[in-house]
Every structure is written in structure tokens, then in C-alpha cells.
Amino acid sequence: LTARGMMEGLFDRDTAPGAMPEDLLQLDIPTLIVPGADGFHATSAARYFEECLKGSDYWDVPPDGQTGDTAPARVLDFLTSAGG
């Protein structure tokens, strides 16, 4: 029964699996959204979270621009701006 409930919760909608949109809309926490573009990470899912998470910070850089040279600095900038 538990597995069936989990399955139905993952596949009962057109949005990303996990928290319901109305739950995400209630959150007010610093969030850095890093989009992907491969078979596992759709850019549309990242945009969905950007819309649902109040005050989120969307890093609008294609995956090939998210490198060992650029990503650490971007994360540190985000943490600094978020008060961390």
C-alpha cells in the first residue's frame, strides 16, 4: 500500500514529482536553481521551480557554461547574498 501511494503521488500530475505546487508557493527560503538540459534534467522543470519558489535565484547559464571555473563562484555569490 505504501509503494502504491508513493507511485500515485509521483505520477498523478503534469508537474515535477515531489511537493505539490501549492506547497512550494508557500515557501520563502533562499533557493539557487541550476538548470540542466539532458535526459534527466529538463530546463522546463527548473523554470517551474523558479515560478513556484518565491524569490528564487535562477542561474541562466547553459550546462556547458556550468564549469569548475564558474560554478563555485556562483554558489558562493548566492550563499553570500542569502546571508549564509
PDB file of N, CA and C in Angstrom:
ATOM      1  N   LEU A   1       0.815  -1.197   0.000  1.00  0.00           N
ATOM      2  CA  LEU A   1       0.000   0.000   0.000  1.00  0.00           C
ATOM      3  C   LEU A   1       0.856   1.257   0.000  1.00  0.00           C
ATOM      4  N   THR A   2       1.926   1.255   0.759  1.00  0.00           N
ATOM      5  CA  THR A   2       2.782   2.433   0.809  1.00  0.00           C
ATOM      6  C   THR A   2       3.403   2.712  -0.555  1.00  0.00           C
ATOM      7  N   ALA A   3       3.900   1.676  -1.213  1.00  0.00           N
ATOM      8  CA  ALA A   3       4.512   1.853  -2.531  1.00  0.00           C
ATOM      9  C   ALA A   3       3.488   2.360  -3.536  1.00  0.00           C
ATOM     10  N   ARG A   4       2.265   1.854  -3.492  1.00  0.00           N
ATOM     11  CA  ARG A   4       1.224   2.303  -4.420  1.00  0.00           C
ATOM     12  C   ARG A   4       0.917   3.778  -4.181  1.00  0.00           C
ATOM     13  N   GLY A   5       0.813   4.178  -2.933  1.00  0.00           N
ATOM     14  CA  GLY A   5       0.553   5.582  -2.616  1.00  0.00           C
ATOM     15  C   GLY A   5       1.669   6.488  -3.107  1.00  0.00           C
ATOM     16  N   MET A   6       2.912   6.039  -2.946  1.00  0.00           N
ATOM     17  CA  MET A   6       4.046   6.822  -3.429  1.00  0.00           C
ATOM     18  C   MET A   6       4.017   6.920  -4.945  1.00  0.00           C
ATOM     19  N   MET A   7       3.719   5.811  -5.620  1.00  0.00           N
ATOM     20  CA  MET A   7       3.667   5.807  -7.074  1.00  0.00           C
ATOM     21  C   MET A   7       2.596   6.764  -7.568  1.00  0.00           C
ATOM     22  N   GLU A   8       1.429   6.709  -6.969  1.00  0.00           N
ATOM     23  CA  GLU A   8       0.341   7.576  -7.400  1.00  0.00           C
ATOM     24  C   GLU A   8       0.689   9.036  -7.151  1.00  0.00           C
ATOM     25  N   GLY A   9       1.417   9.317  -6.080  1.00  0.00           N
ATOM     26  CA  GLY A   9       1.829  10.685  -5.795  1.00  0.00           C
ATOM     27  C   GLY A   9       2.873  11.209  -6.765  1.00  0.00           C
ATOM     28  N   LEU A  10       3.640  10.312  -7.361  1.00  0.00           N
ATOM     29  CA  LEU A  10       4.671  10.722  -8.307  1.00  0.00           C
ATOM     30  C   LEU A  10       4.139  10.910  -9.719  1.00  0.00           C
ATOM     31  N   PHE A  11       3.077  10.196 -10.059  1.00  0.00           N
ATOM     32  CA  PHE A  11       2.624  10.200 -11.444  1.00  0.00           C
ATOM     33  C   PHE A  11       1.206  10.710 -11.620  1.00  0.00           C
ATOM     34  N   ASP A  12       0.708  11.486 -10.677  1.00  0.00           N
ATOM     35  CA  ASP A  12      -0.681  11.924 -10.751  1.00  0.00           C
ATOM     36  C   ASP A  12      -0.843  13.333 -11.307  1.00  0.00           C
ATOM     37  N   ARG A  13       0.211  13.896 -11.877  1.00  0.00           N
ATOM     38  CA  ARG A  13       0.127  15.282 -12.350  1.00  0.00           C
ATOM     39  C   ARG A  13       1.106  15.526 -13.491  1.00  0.00           C
ATOM     40  N   ASP A  14       1.032  16.731 -14.032  1.00  0.00           N
ATOM     41  CA  ASP A  14       1.893  17.098 -15.149  1.00  0.00           C
ATOM     42  C   ASP A  14       3.134  17.855 -14.710  1.00  0.00           C
ATOM     43  N   THR A  15       3.283  18.098 -13.420  1.00  0.00           N
ATOM     44  CA  THR A  15       4.431  18.837 -12.918  1.00  0.00           C
ATOM     45  C   THR A  15       5.494  17.879 -12.399  1.00  0.00           C
ATOM     46  N   ALA A  16       6.590  18.444 -11.935  1.00  0.00           N
ATOM     47  CA  ALA A  16       7.682  17.634 -11.408  1.00  0.00           C
ATOM     48  C   ALA A  16       7.219  16.823 -10.203  1.00  0.00           C
ATOM     49  N   PRO A  17       7.699  15.583 -10.065  1.00  0.00           N
ATOM     50  CA  PRO A  17       7.342  14.790  -8.893  1.00  0.00           C
ATOM     51  C   PRO A  17       7.875  15.443  -7.623  1.00  0.00           C
ATOM     52  N   GLY A  18       7.189  15.200  -6.544  1.00  0.00           N
ATOM     53  CA  GLY A  18       7.625  15.756  -5.267  1.00  0.00           C
ATOM     54  C   GLY A  18       6.542  16.601  -4.648  1.00  0.00           C
ATOM     55  N   ALA A  19       6.943  17.704  -4.076  1.00  0.00           N
ATOM     56  CA  ALA A  19       5.998  18.590  -3.386  1.00  0.00           C
ATOM     57  C   ALA A  19       4.951  19.126  -4.357  1.00  0.00           C
ATOM     58  N   MET A  20       3.769  19.340  -3.841  1.00  0.00           N
ATOM     59  CA  MET A  20       2.684  19.906  -4.642  1.00  0.00           C
ATOM     60  C   MET A  20       2.975  21.389  -4.895  1.00  0.00           C
ATOM     61  N   PRO A  21       2.530  21.922  -6.045  1.00  0.00           N
ATOM     62  CA  PRO A  21       2.782  23.332  -6.352  1.00  0.00           C
ATOM     63  C   PRO A  21       2.307  24.280  -5.255  1.00  0.00           C
ATOM     64  N   GLU A  22       1.139  24.011  -4.681  1.00  0.00           N
ATOM     65  CA  GLU A  22       0.628  24.909  -3.633  1.00  0.00           C
ATOM     66  C   GLU A  22       1.517  24.898  -2.391  1.00  0.00           C
ATOM     67  N   ASP A  23       2.212  23.782  -2.147  1.00  0.00           N
ATOM     68  CA  ASP A  23       3.159  23.736  -1.030  1.00  0.00           C
ATOM     69  C   ASP A  23       4.417  24.544  -1.357  1.00  0.00           C
ATOM     70  N   LEU A  24       4.897  24.414  -2.588  1.00  0.00           N
ATOM     71  CA  LEU A  24       6.078  25.171  -2.998  1.00  0.00           C
ATOM     72  C   LEU A  24       5.819  26.672  -2.953  1.00  0.00           C
ATOM     73  N   LEU A  25       4.621  27.077  -3.342  1.00  0.00           N
ATOM     74  CA  LEU A  25       4.274  28.501  -3.361  1.00  0.00           C
ATOM     75  C   LEU A  25       4.278  29.119  -1.963  1.00  0.00           C
ATOM     76  N   GLN A  26       4.165  28.297  -0.929  1.00  0.00           N
ATOM     77  CA  GLN A  26       4.157  28.795   0.448  1.00  0.00           C
ATOM     78  C   GLN A  26       5.564  29.004   1.008  1.00  0.00           C
ATOM     79  N   LEU A  27       6.556  28.428   0.363  1.00  0.00           N
ATOM     80  CA  LEU A  27       7.928  28.516   0.870  1.00  0.00           C
ATOM     81  C   LEU A  27       8.521  29.895   0.620  1.00  0.00           C
ATOM     82  N   ASP A  28       9.319  30.346   1.540  1.00  0.00           N
ATOM     83  CA  ASP A  28      10.035  31.607   1.395  1.00  0.00           C
ATOM     84  C   ASP A  28      11.450  31.391   1.922  1.00  0.00           C
ATOM     85  N   ILE A  29      12.242  30.664   1.131  1.00  0.00           N
ATOM     86  CA  ILE A  29      13.607  30.334   1.520  1.00  0.00           C
ATOM     87  C   ILE A  29      14.537  30.637   0.343  1.00  0.00           C
ATOM     88  N   PRO A  30      15.767  31.032   0.619  1.00  0.00           N
ATOM     89  CA  PRO A  30      16.707  31.272  -0.477  1.00  0.00           C
ATOM     90  C   PRO A  30      16.920  29.984  -1.273  1.00  0.00           C
ATOM     91  N   THR A  31      16.804  30.087  -2.580  1.00  0.00           N
ATOM     92  CA  THR A  31      16.940  28.913  -3.434  1.00  0.00           C
ATOM     93  C   THR A  31      17.709  29.278  -4.689  1.00  0.00           C
ATOM     94  N   LEU A  32      18.789  28.572  -4.957  1.00  0.00           N
ATOM     95  CA  LEU A  32      19.529  28.727  -6.203  1.00  0.00           C
ATOM     96  C   LEU A  32      19.093  27.599  -7.124  1.00  0.00           C
ATOM     97  N   ILE A  33      18.553  27.959  -8.268  1.00  0.00           N
ATOM     98  CA  ILE A  33      18.095  26.965  -9.231  1.00  0.00           C
ATOM     99  C   ILE A  33      19.118  26.898 -10.356  1.00  0.00           C
ATOM    100  N   VAL A  34      19.677  25.715 -10.545  1.00  0.00           N
ATOM    101  CA  VAL A  34      20.681  25.491 -11.582  1.00  0.00           C
ATOM    102  C   VAL A  34      20.054  24.569 -12.624  1.00  0.00           C
ATOM    103  N   PRO A  35      19.746  25.099 -13.816  1.00  0.00           N
ATOM    104  CA  PRO A  35      19.057  24.297 -14.821  1.00  0.00           C
ATOM    105  C   PRO A  35      19.979  23.261 -15.450  1.00  0.00           C
ATOM    106  N   GLY A  36      19.363  22.241 -15.977  1.00  0.00           N
ATOM    107  CA  GLY A  36      20.079  21.233 -16.737  1.00  0.00           C
ATOM    108  C   GLY A  36      19.432  21.106 -18.103  1.00  0.00           C
ATOM    109  N   ALA A  37      20.004  20.314 -18.943  1.00  0.00           N
ATOM    110  CA  ALA A  37      19.432  20.092 -20.270  1.00  0.00           C
ATOM    111  C   ALA A  37      19.939  18.759 -20.802  1.00  0.00           C
ATOM    112  N   ASP A  38      19.491  17.686 -20.173  1.00  0.00           N
ATOM    113  CA  ASP A  38      19.860  16.361 -20.636  1.00  0.00           C
ATOM    114  C   ASP A  38      18.679  15.430 -20.418  1.00  0.00           C
ATOM    115  N   GLY A  39      18.885  14.155 -20.551  1.00  0.00           N
ATOM    116  CA  GLY A  39      17.802  13.195 -20.422  1.00  0.00           C
ATOM    117  C   GLY A  39      17.197  13.101 -19.034  1.00  0.00           C
ATOM    118  N   PHE A  40      17.844  13.671 -18.050  1.00  0.00           N
ATOM    119  CA  PHE A  40      17.372  13.580 -16.670  1.00  0.00           C
ATOM    120  C   PHE A  40      16.958  14.922 -16.078  1.00  0.00           C
ATOM    121  N   HIS A  41      17.420  16.012 -16.657  1.00  0.00           N
ATOM    122  CA  HIS A  41      17.185  17.343 -16.087  1.00  0.00           C
ATOM    123  C   HIS A  41      16.653  18.273 -17.170  1.00  0.00           C
ATOM    124  N   ALA A  42      15.361  18.489 -17.175  1.00  0.00           N
ATOM    125  CA  ALA A  42      14.748  19.369 -18.169  1.00  0.00           C
ATOM    126  C   ALA A  42      14.801  20.816 -17.701  1.00  0.00           C
ATOM    127  N   THR A  43      15.158  21.705 -18.611  1.00  0.00           N
ATOM    128  CA  THR A  43      15.169  23.127 -18.282  1.00  0.00           C
ATOM    129  C   THR A  43      13.780  23.583 -17.859  1.00  0.00           C
ATOM    130  N   SER A  44      12.743  22.994 -18.442  1.00  0.00           N
ATOM    131  CA  SER A  44      11.370  23.377 -18.077  1.00  0.00           C
ATOM    132  C   SER A  44      11.089  23.088 -16.606  1.00  0.00           C
ATOM    133  N   ALA A  45      11.664  22.031 -16.056  1.00  0.00           N
ATOM    134  CA  ALA A  45      11.472  21.729 -14.632  1.00  0.00           C
ATOM    135  C   ALA A  45      12.127  22.806 -13.769  1.00  0.00           C
ATOM    136  N   ALA A  46      13.287  23.277 -14.188  1.00  0.00           N
ATOM    137  CA  ALA A  46      13.956  24.347 -13.444  1.00  0.00           C
ATOM    138  C   ALA A  46      13.120  25.623 -13.485  1.00  0.00           C
ATOM    139  N   ARG A  47      12.543  25.931 -14.647  1.00  0.00           N
ATOM    140  CA  ARG A  47      11.697  27.127 -14.768  1.00  0.00           C
ATOM    141  C   ARG A  47      10.439  26.983 -13.910  1.00  0.00           C
ATOM    142  N   TYR A  48       9.908  25.773 -13.825  1.00  0.00           N
ATOM    143  CA  TYR A  48       8.740  25.506 -12.978  1.00  0.00           C
ATOM    144  C   TYR A  48       9.065  25.844 -11.520  1.00  0.00           C
ATOM    145  N   PHE A  49      10.214  25.386 -11.048  1.00  0.00           N
ATOM    146  CA  PHE A  49      10.605  25.687  -9.669  1.00  0.00           C
ATOM    147  C   PHE A  49      10.867  27.176  -9.485  1.00  0.00           C
ATOM    148  N   GLU A  50      11.415  27.824 -10.498  1.00  0.00           N
ATOM    149  CA  GLU A  50      11.620  29.274 -10.415  1.00  0.00           C
ATOM    150  C   GLU A  50      10.286  29.989 -10.202  1.00  0.00           C
ATOM    151  N   GLU A  51       9.257  29.532 -10.902  1.00  0.00           N
ATOM    152  CA  GLU A  51       7.936  30.145 -10.755  1.00  0.00           C
ATOM    153  C   GLU A  51       7.313  29.862  -9.393  1.00  0.00           C
ATOM    154  N   CYS A  52       7.535  28.678  -8.857  1.00  0.00           N
ATOM    155  CA  CYS A  52       6.884  28.270  -7.609  1.00  0.00           C
ATOM    156  C   CYS A  52       7.599  28.749  -6.351  1.00  0.00           C
ATOM    157  N   LEU A  53       8.892  28.963  -6.422  1.00  0.00           N
ATOM    158  CA  LEU A  53       9.662  29.306  -5.229  1.00  0.00           C
ATOM    159  C   LEU A  53       9.913  30.810  -5.180  1.00  0.00           C
ATOM    160  N   LYS A  54       9.248  31.448  -4.250  1.00  0.00           N
ATOM    161  CA  LYS A  54       9.315  32.901  -4.081  1.00  0.00           C
ATOM    162  C   LYS A  54      10.755  33.366  -3.893  1.00  0.00           C
ATOM    163  N   GLY A  55      11.173  34.335  -4.687  1.00  0.00           N
ATOM    164  CA  GLY A  55      12.500  34.913  -4.530  1.00  0.00           C
ATOM    165  C   GLY A  55      13.641  34.006  -4.934  1.00  0.00           C
ATOM    166  N   SER A  56      13.358  32.961  -5.703  1.00  0.00           N
ATOM    167  CA  SER A  56      14.431  32.060  -6.110  1.00  0.00           C
ATOM    168  C   SER A  56      15.395  32.780  -7.047  1.00  0.00           C
ATOM    169  N   ASP A  57      16.600  32.271  -7.118  1.00  0.00           N
ATOM    170  CA  ASP A  57      17.653  32.824  -7.960  1.00  0.00           C
ATOM    171  C   ASP A  57      17.949  31.788  -9.043  1.00  0.00           C
ATOM    172  N   TYR A  58      17.574  32.108 -10.279  1.00  0.00           N
ATOM    173  CA  TYR A  58      17.750  31.188 -11.408  1.00  0.00           C
ATOM    174  C   TYR A  58      19.070  31.509 -12.100  1.00  0.00           C
ATOM    175  N   TRP A  59      19.956  30.530 -12.161  1.00  0.00           N
ATOM    176  CA  TRP A  59      21.242  30.731 -12.832  1.00  0.00           C
ATOM    177  C   TRP A  59      21.048  30.405 -14.298  1.00  0.00           C
ATOM    178  N   ASP A  60      20.875  31.425 -15.096  1.00  0.00           N
ATOM    179  CA  ASP A  60      20.535  31.253 -16.508  1.00  0.00           C
ATOM    180  C   ASP A  60      21.796  31.067 -17.349  1.00  0.00           C
ATOM    181  N   VAL A  61      22.433  29.929 -17.138  1.00  0.00           N
ATOM    182  CA  VAL A  61      23.644  29.575 -17.866  1.00  0.00           C
ATOM    183  C   VAL A  61      23.464  28.160 -18.390  1.00  0.00           C
ATOM    184  N   PRO A  62      23.728  27.933 -19.686  1.00  0.00           N
ATOM    185  CA  PRO A  62      23.586  26.569 -20.208  1.00  0.00           C
ATOM    186  C   PRO A  62      24.539  25.608 -19.493  1.00  0.00           C
ATOM    187  N   PRO A  63      24.193  24.331 -19.469  1.00  0.00           N
ATOM    188  CA  PRO A  63      25.022  23.360 -18.747  1.00  0.00           C
ATOM    189  C   PRO A  63      26.502  23.389 -19.125  1.00  0.00           C
ATOM    190  N   ASP A  64      26.815  23.634 -20.392  1.00  0.00           N
ATOM    191  CA  ASP A  64      28.235  23.647 -20.752  1.00  0.00           C
ATOM    192  C   ASP A  64      28.962  24.875 -20.194  1.00  0.00           C
ATOM    193  N   GLY A  65      28.224  25.847 -19.687  1.00  0.00           N
ATOM    194  CA  GLY A  65      28.815  27.008 -19.033  1.00  0.00           C
ATOM    195  C   GLY A  65      28.910  26.849 -17.523  1.00  0.00           C
ATOM    196  N   GLN A  66      28.370  25.757 -17.014  1.00  0.00           N
ATOM    197  CA  GLN A  66      28.410  25.464 -15.578  1.00  0.00           C
ATOM    198  C   GLN A  66      29.635  24.587 -15.317  1.00  0.00           C
ATOM    199  N   THR A  67      30.753  25.229 -15.154  1.00  0.00           N
ATOM    200  CA  THR A  67      32.022  24.505 -15.078  1.00  0.00           C
ATOM    201  C   THR A  67      32.652  24.631 -13.694  1.00  0.00           C
ATOM    202  N   GLY A  68      33.748  23.942 -13.536  1.00  0.00           N
ATOM    203  CA  GLY A  68      34.516  24.044 -12.301  1.00  0.00           C
ATOM    204  C   GLY A  68      35.063  25.440 -12.076  1.00  0.00           C
ATOM    205  N   ASP A  69      35.152  26.217 -13.145  1.00  0.00           N
ATOM    206  CA  ASP A  69      35.618  27.600 -13.014  1.00  0.00           C
ATOM    207  C   ASP A  69      34.487  28.553 -12.650  1.00  0.00           C
ATOM    208  N   THR A  70      33.272  28.296 -13.137  1.00  0.00           N
ATOM    209  CA  THR A  70      32.165  29.237 -12.926  1.00  0.00           C
ATOM    210  C   THR A  70      31.239  28.856 -11.775  1.00  0.00           C
ATOM    211  N   ALA A  71      31.008  27.576 -11.582  1.00  0.00           N
ATOM    212  CA  ALA A  71      30.013  27.137 -10.591  1.00  0.00           C
ATOM    213  C   ALA A  71      30.387  27.480  -9.144  1.00  0.00           C
ATOM    214  N   PRO A  72      31.608  27.214  -8.691  1.00  0.00           N
ATOM    215  CA  PRO A  72      31.910  27.533  -7.286  1.00  0.00           C
ATOM    216  C   PRO A  72      31.712  29.014  -6.956  1.00  0.00           C
ATOM    217  N   ALA A  73      32.140  29.890  -7.851  1.00  0.00           N
ATOM    218  CA  ALA A  73      31.971  31.322  -7.603  1.00  0.00           C
ATOM    219  C   ALA A  73      30.496  31.695  -7.569  1.00  0.00           C
ATOM    220  N   ARG A  74      29.703  31.093  -8.438  1.00  0.00           N
ATOM    221  CA  ARG A  74      28.267  31.398  -8.477  1.00  0.00           C
ATOM    222  C   ARG A  74      27.590  30.934  -7.193  1.00  0.00           C
ATOM    223  N   VAL A  75      27.930  29.752  -6.721  1.00  0.00           N
ATOM    224  CA  VAL A  75      27.342  29.238  -5.476  1.00  0.00           C
ATOM    225  C   VAL A  75      27.756  30.117  -4.294  1.00  0.00           C
ATOM    226  N   LEU A  76      29.015  30.513  -4.242  1.00  0.00           N
ATOM    227  CA  LEU A  76      29.470  31.380  -3.150  1.00  0.00           C
ATOM    228  C   LEU A  76      28.770  32.735  -3.194  1.00  0.00           C
ATOM    229  N   ASP A  77      28.580  33.291  -4.384  1.00  0.00           N
ATOM    230  CA  ASP A  77      27.835  34.552  -4.516  1.00  0.00           C
ATOM    231  C   ASP A  77      26.415  34.391  -3.987  1.00  0.00           C
ATOM    232  N   PHE A  78      25.785  33.273  -4.346  1.00  0.00           N
ATOM    233  CA  PHE A  78      24.422  33.018  -3.878  1.00  0.00           C
ATOM    234  C   PHE A  78      24.387  32.920  -2.353  1.00  0.00           C
ATOM    235  N   LEU A  79      25.301  32.154  -1.783  1.00  0.00           N
ATOM    236  CA  LEU A  79      25.322  31.988  -0.327  1.00  0.00           C
ATOM    237  C   LEU A  79      25.555  33.320   0.383  1.00  0.00           C
ATOM    238  N   THR A  80      26.424  34.140  -0.175  1.00  0.00           N
ATOM    239  CA  THR A  80      26.673  35.459   0.412  1.00  0.00           C
ATOM    240  C   THR A  80      25.419  36.320   0.358  1.00  0.00           C
ATOM    241  N   SER A  81      24.754  36.327  -0.793  1.00  0.00           N
ATOM    242  CA  SER A  81      23.545  37.153  -0.935  1.00  0.00           C
ATOM    243  C   SER A  81      22.395  36.623  -0.081  1.00  0.00           C
ATOM    244  N   ALA A  82      22.418  35.317   0.210  1.00  0.00           N
ATOM    245  CA  ALA A  82      21.358  34.713   1.019  1.00  0.00           C
ATOM    246  C   ALA A  82      21.648  34.842   2.516  1.00  0.00           C
ATOM    247  N   GLY A  83      22.782  35.410   2.842  1.00  0.00           N
ATOM    248  CA  GLY A  83      23.117  35.590   4.255  1.00  0.00           C
ATOM    249  C   GLY A  83      23.833  34.414   4.865  1.00  0.00           C
ATOM    250  N   GLY A  84      24.345  33.507   4.017  1.00  0.00           N
ATOM    251  CA  GLY A  84      24.993  32.308   4.536  1.00  0.00           C
ATOM    252  C   GLY A  84      26.414  32.408   4.536  1.00  0.00           C
TER     253      GLY A  84
END
